[in-house]
C-alpha atoms as a PDB file:
ATOM      1  CA  UNK A   1     -10.829 -21.389  16.421  1.00  0.00           C
ATOM      2  CA  UNK A   2     -12.979 -22.803  14.304  1.00  0.00           C
ATOM      3  CA  UNK A   3     -13.339 -18.863  12.782  1.00  0.00           C
ATOM      4  CA  UNK A   4      -9.652 -19.191  11.888  1.00  0.00           C
ATOM      5  CA  UNK A   5      -9.507 -22.244  10.469  1.00  0.00           C
ATOM      6  CA  UNK A   6     -13.028 -20.969   8.440  1.00  0.00           C
ATOM      7  CA  UNK A   7     -11.749 -18.241   7.291  1.00  0.00           C
ATOM      8  CA  UNK A   8      -8.342 -18.509   6.664  1.00  0.00           C
ATOM      9  CA  UNK A   9      -8.522 -16.287   4.055  1.00  0.00           C
ATOM     10  CA  UNK A  10      -9.782 -13.495   4.919  1.00  0.00           C
ATOM     11  CA  UNK A  11      -7.837 -13.466   8.789  1.00  0.00           C
ATOM     12  CA  UNK A  12      -4.498 -14.102   6.181  1.00  0.00           C
ATOM     13  CA  UNK A  13      -6.120 -10.928   4.143  1.00  0.00           C
ATOM     14  CA  UNK A  14      -6.445  -9.335   7.241  1.00  0.00           C
ATOM     15  CA  UNK A  15      -2.557  -9.501   8.988  1.00  0.00           C
ATOM     16  CA  UNK A  16      -1.158  -8.685   5.076  1.00  0.00           C
ATOM     17  CA  UNK A  17      -3.423  -5.372   5.141  1.00  0.00           C
ATOM     18  CA  UNK A  18      -2.401  -4.291   8.847  1.00  0.00           C
ATOM     19  CA  UNK A  19       1.333  -2.495   7.699  1.00  0.00           C
ATOM     20  CA  UNK A  20      -0.825  -0.609   4.259  1.00  0.00           C
ATOM     21  CA  UNK A  21      -0.399   2.557   6.747  1.00  0.00           C
ATOM     22  CA  UNK A  22       4.091   1.890   7.152  1.00  0.00           C
ATOM     23  CA  UNK A  23       3.916   1.732   3.318  1.00  0.00           C
ATOM     24  CA  UNK A  24       1.826   3.717   2.502  1.00  0.00           C
ATOM     25  CA  UNK A  25       3.137   6.602   4.852  1.00  0.00           C
ATOM     26  CA  UNK A  26       6.368   6.426   3.584  1.00  0.00           C
ATOM     27  CA  UNK A  27       5.432   6.544   0.007  1.00  0.00           C
ATOM     28  CA  UNK A  28       3.182   9.756   0.902  1.00  0.00           C
ATOM     29  CA  UNK A  29       6.083  11.264   2.871  1.00  0.00           C
ATOM     30  CA  UNK A  30       8.369  10.953  -0.144  1.00  0.00           C
ATOM     31  CA  UNK A  31       6.076  12.233  -2.728  1.00  0.00           C
ATOM     32  CA  UNK A  32       4.281  15.337  -1.658  1.00  0.00           C
ATOM     33  CA  UNK A  33       7.721  15.817   0.313  1.00  0.00           C
ATOM     34  CA  UNK A  34       6.870  15.944   3.779  1.00  0.00           C
ATOM     35  CA  UNK A  35       7.625  14.202   7.254  1.00  0.00           C
ATOM     36  CA  UNK A  36       5.313  16.245   8.917  1.00  0.00           C
ATOM     37  CA  UNK A  37       2.245  13.404  10.194  1.00  0.00           C
ATOM     38  CA  UNK A  38      -1.105  15.194   8.423  1.00  0.00           C
ATOM     39  CA  UNK A  39       0.208  13.861   4.572  1.00  0.00           C
ATOM     40  CA  UNK A  40      -1.027  10.762   6.653  1.00  0.00           C
ATOM     41  CA  UNK A  41      -5.288  11.841   6.476  1.00  0.00           C
ATOM     42  CA  UNK A  42      -4.785  14.261   3.993  1.00  0.00           C
ATOM     43  CA  UNK A  43      -7.491  13.529   0.652  1.00  0.00           C
ATOM     44  CA  UNK A  44      -5.082  14.234  -1.563  1.00  0.00           C
ATOM     45  CA  UNK A  45      -4.235  11.504  -3.998  1.00  0.00           C
ATOM     46  CA  UNK A  46      -3.677  13.223  -7.758  1.00  0.00           C
ATOM     47  CA  UNK A  47       0.184  13.477  -6.985  1.00  0.00           C
ATOM     48  CA  UNK A  48       0.335  10.782  -4.900  1.00  0.00           C
ATOM     49  CA  UNK A  49      -0.760   8.386  -7.848  1.00  0.00           C
ATOM     50  CA  UNK A  50       0.825   9.632 -10.348  1.00  0.00           C
ATOM     51  CA  UNK A  51       4.459   9.172  -8.805  1.00  0.00           C
ATOM     52  CA  UNK A  52       2.957   5.280  -7.735  1.00  0.00           C
ATOM     53  CA  UNK A  53       2.519   5.123 -12.006  1.00  0.00           C
ATOM     54  CA  UNK A  54       4.392   7.141 -13.492  1.00  0.00           C
ATOM     55  CA  UNK A  55       8.157   8.560 -12.437  1.00  0.00           C
ATOM     56  CA  UNK A  56       7.841  12.015 -10.786  1.00  0.00           C
ATOM     57  CA  UNK A  57      11.362  12.135  -9.350  1.00  0.00           C
ATOM     58  CA  UNK A  58      13.615   9.596 -11.412  1.00  0.00           C
ATOM     59  CA  UNK A  59      16.713  10.348  -9.770  1.00  0.00           C
ATOM     60  CA  UNK A  60      15.573   9.900  -5.969  1.00  0.00           C
ATOM     61  CA  UNK A  61      16.828   7.241  -5.658  1.00  0.00           C
ATOM     62  CA  UNK A  62      15.249   6.399  -2.320  1.00  0.00           C
ATOM     63  CA  UNK A  63      11.829   7.263  -3.591  1.00  0.00           C
ATOM     64  CA  UNK A  64      12.220   4.459  -7.103  1.00  0.00           C
ATOM     65  CA  UNK A  65      12.817   2.011  -3.602  1.00  0.00           C
ATOM     66  CA  UNK A  66      10.181   3.135  -1.546  1.00  0.00           C
ATOM     67  CA  UNK A  67       6.980   2.910  -5.145  1.00  0.00           C
ATOM     68  CA  UNK A  68       8.132  -0.169  -5.764  1.00  0.00           C
ATOM     69  CA  UNK A  69       8.548  -1.380  -2.579  1.00  0.00           C
ATOM     70  CA  UNK A  70       4.616   0.113  -2.570  1.00  0.00           C
ATOM     71  CA  UNK A  71       3.954  -1.180  -5.410  1.00  0.00           C
ATOM     72  CA  UNK A  72       4.598  -4.897  -4.575  1.00  0.00           C
ATOM     73  CA  UNK A  73       2.780  -4.916  -2.042  1.00  0.00           C
ATOM     74  CA  UNK A  74      -0.587  -3.116  -3.286  1.00  0.00           C
ATOM     75  CA  UNK A  75      -0.329  -6.125  -6.327  1.00  0.00           C
ATOM     76  CA  UNK A  76      -0.280  -8.833  -3.308  1.00  0.00           C
ATOM     77  CA  UNK A  77      -3.078  -7.164  -1.185  1.00  0.00           C
ATOM     78  CA  UNK A  78      -4.958  -6.685  -4.702  1.00  0.00           C
ATOM     79  CA  UNK A  79      -4.826 -10.183  -5.196  1.00  0.00           C
ATOM     80  CA  UNK A  80      -5.836 -11.351  -1.956  1.00  0.00           C
ATOM     81  CA  UNK A  81      -8.368  -9.432  -2.626  1.00  0.00           C
ATOM     82  CA  UNK A  82      -9.763 -11.851  -5.979  1.00  0.00           C
ATOM     83  CA  UNK A  83      -8.795 -14.352  -4.942  1.00  0.00           C
ATOM     84  CA  UNK A  84     -11.087 -13.953  -1.488  1.00  0.00           C
ATOM     85  CA  UNK A  85     -13.732 -12.286  -3.306  1.00  0.00           C
ATOM     86  CA  UNK A  86     -13.999 -14.941  -6.431  1.00  0.00           C
ATOM     87  CA  UNK A  87     -13.630 -17.945  -3.578  1.00  0.00           C
ATOM     88  CA  UNK A  88     -15.629 -16.574  -0.846  1.00  0.00           C
END
């Protein structure tokens, strides 16, 4: 229990990181237009980064919703990581 109290921010960062696979999987399936599970393990990043920072499917409402949700998740994750790196 002392470990959790002493490292509560690390535990928070770890717990916030768990849903990343779900958000990234949903986002990648929309970007690469596939339902294949193997998209989660393929190291293709260029189109994914373009889709994250730009608007590659402006008419796709599901893409816009998932992109914004993924952006929000990543911003919180990066903020938690930076706070952890600064204070620990």
